[in-house]
Amino acid sequence: MMSKEYCRYIRTYSELEGLQHAHTLVYCGAAAAQGVVMELRQEQDGRVRRSAVLLQDSFARAMQLLRYLCENSVGLEQWLDVLDDAGQSYELLENAGEAGTVPDFTGKNLEFCAICRF
């Protein structure tokens, strides 16, 4: 099986009583035949919410966007607005949680790209 370029950023947030619940945001991207698949996943209290898009752009550009989203702690509620503001065209991938719709972002058969380390 052939490896694909892959990138993942993880932001964790602590429980701060009265201010925020503990949660994790996972920003993922992988090269695909049709472009680049990007996913933003929020994990909180054992539940996972996710959203995924297909970008018709270069992997390098997609990873810049992914890093921007992570460094600015952009959440599920805002990330599509940020892509719109950046002038990025994308196709929303429905049923992002279903097998086969979005790459398995666990890292199996994927190799980290050189630009996603920080």
Protein backbone atom coordinates (compact mmCIF):
# COMPACT_ATOMS: atom_id res chain seq x y z
CA MET A 1 0.00 0.00 0.00
CA MET A 2 1.31 3.43 -0.93
CA SER A 3 1.88 6.18 1.67
CA LYS A 4 0.28 9.59 1.31
CA GLU A 5 1.38 12.92 2.72
CA TYR A 6 -0.33 13.61 5.97
CA CYS A 7 -0.39 16.27 8.65
CA ARG A 8 -1.97 16.46 12.10
CA TYR A 9 -1.96 19.17 14.75
CA ILE A 10 -3.43 18.61 18.21
CA ARG A 11 -4.51 21.29 20.69
CA THR A 12 -5.58 20.29 24.19
CA TYR A 13 -7.53 22.49 26.57
CA SER A 14 -7.74 22.02 30.33
CA GLU A 15 -10.82 22.00 32.49
CA LEU A 16 -11.08 25.46 34.04
CA GLU A 17 -14.04 25.55 36.39
CA GLY A 18 -16.57 28.09 35.24
CA LEU A 19 -14.51 29.05 32.17
CA GLN A 20 -14.06 26.05 29.86
CA HIS A 21 -14.53 22.31 29.64
CA ALA A 22 -11.57 20.05 28.93
CA HIS A 23 -11.46 19.17 25.25
CA THR A 24 -9.11 18.46 22.36
CA LEU A 25 -9.12 19.87 18.84
CA VAL A 26 -7.45 17.76 16.16
CA TYR A 27 -6.64 19.39 12.81
CA CYS A 28 -5.82 16.83 10.09
CA GLY A 29 -5.00 16.89 6.40
CA ALA A 30 -4.09 14.25 3.84
CA ALA A 31 -3.29 14.29 0.16
CA ALA A 32 -6.00 12.62 -1.92
CA ALA A 33 -6.40 11.86 -5.62
CA GLN A 34 -8.95 14.67 -5.96
CA GLY A 35 -7.06 17.27 -3.86
CA VAL A 36 -6.56 17.51 -0.12
CA VAL A 37 -8.93 16.29 2.57
CA MET A 38 -8.95 18.43 5.72
CA GLU A 39 -10.75 17.47 8.91
CA LEU A 40 -11.34 19.28 12.17
CA ARG A 41 -12.35 17.06 15.06
CA GLN A 42 -13.40 18.04 18.58
CA GLU A 43 -13.13 15.42 21.31
CA GLN A 44 -14.87 16.12 24.62
CA ASP A 45 -16.21 13.84 27.36
CA GLY A 46 -15.86 10.76 25.13
CA ARG A 47 -17.84 12.34 22.28
CA VAL A 48 -16.42 13.28 18.91
CA ARG A 49 -17.75 15.97 16.59
CA ARG A 50 -16.11 16.39 13.20
CA SER A 51 -16.27 18.28 9.96
CA ALA A 52 -14.34 17.52 6.78
CA VAL A 53 -13.79 19.23 3.44
CA LEU A 54 -12.11 18.46 0.14
CA LEU A 55 -9.88 21.28 -1.15
CA GLN A 56 -8.96 21.59 -4.80
CA ASP A 57 -5.58 23.10 -3.95
CA SER A 58 -1.98 22.12 -3.33
CA PHE A 59 -1.00 20.13 -0.27
CA ALA A 60 1.37 22.93 0.79
CA ARG A 61 -1.41 25.56 0.71
CA ALA A 62 -3.79 23.28 2.60
CA MET A 63 -1.19 22.68 5.30
CA GLN A 64 -0.64 26.43 5.70
CA LEU A 65 -4.37 26.80 6.27
CA LEU A 66 -4.36 23.88 8.70
CA ARG A 67 -1.50 25.37 10.69
CA TYR A 68 -3.24 28.76 10.76
CA LEU A 69 -6.41 27.13 12.10
CA CYS A 70 -4.45 25.35 14.82
CA GLU A 71 -2.26 28.28 15.86
CA ASN A 72 -5.35 30.48 16.16
CA SER A 73 -7.43 27.84 17.96
CA VAL A 74 -10.21 28.01 15.38
CA GLY A 75 -13.02 25.67 16.40
CA LEU A 76 -15.68 23.69 14.56
CA GLU A 77 -18.13 26.58 14.63
CA GLN A 78 -15.77 28.96 12.81
CA TRP A 79 -13.42 26.94 10.62
CA LEU A 80 -15.52 27.01 7.44
CA ASP A 81 -15.94 30.79 7.84
CA VAL A 82 -12.15 31.12 8.06
CA LEU A 83 -11.73 29.08 4.85
CA ASP A 84 -14.32 31.34 3.17
CA ASP A 85 -12.54 34.49 4.40
CA ALA A 86 -9.25 33.13 3.02
CA GLY A 87 -10.91 32.74 -0.39
CA GLN A 88 -10.49 28.97 -0.26
CA SER A 89 -12.90 26.90 -2.31
CA TYR A 90 -13.86 23.55 -0.85
CA GLU A 91 -16.45 20.82 -0.97
CA LEU A 92 -18.03 19.88 2.33
CA LEU A 93 -17.79 16.12 2.87
CA GLU A 94 -21.07 14.89 4.30
CA ASN A 95 -21.07 12.06 6.84
CA ALA A 96 -17.43 12.75 7.71
CA GLY A 97 -17.52 10.06 10.37
CA GLU A 98 -18.42 7.23 8.03
CA ALA A 99 -15.68 4.84 6.92
CA GLY A 100 -14.26 5.58 3.50
CA THR A 101 -15.47 9.18 3.29
CA VAL A 102 -12.44 10.69 5.03
CA PRO A 103 -8.94 9.20 5.31
CA ASP A 104 -8.06 7.35 8.50
CA PHE A 105 -6.13 10.06 10.30
CA THR A 106 -4.50 7.69 12.79
CA GLY A 107 -1.29 7.72 10.78
CA LYS A 108 -1.41 4.20 9.38
CA ASN A 109 -0.01 4.15 5.82
CA LEU A 110 0.54 7.90 6.02
CA GLU A 111 3.75 9.83 6.49
CA PHE A 112 4.05 13.19 8.16
CA CYS A 113 4.94 16.01 5.82
CA ALA A 114 7.99 18.18 6.46
CA ILE A 115 6.04 21.44 6.83
CA CYS A 116 3.69 20.41 9.62
CA ARG A 117 6.12 20.35 12.51
CA PHE A 118 6.08 23.22 14.96
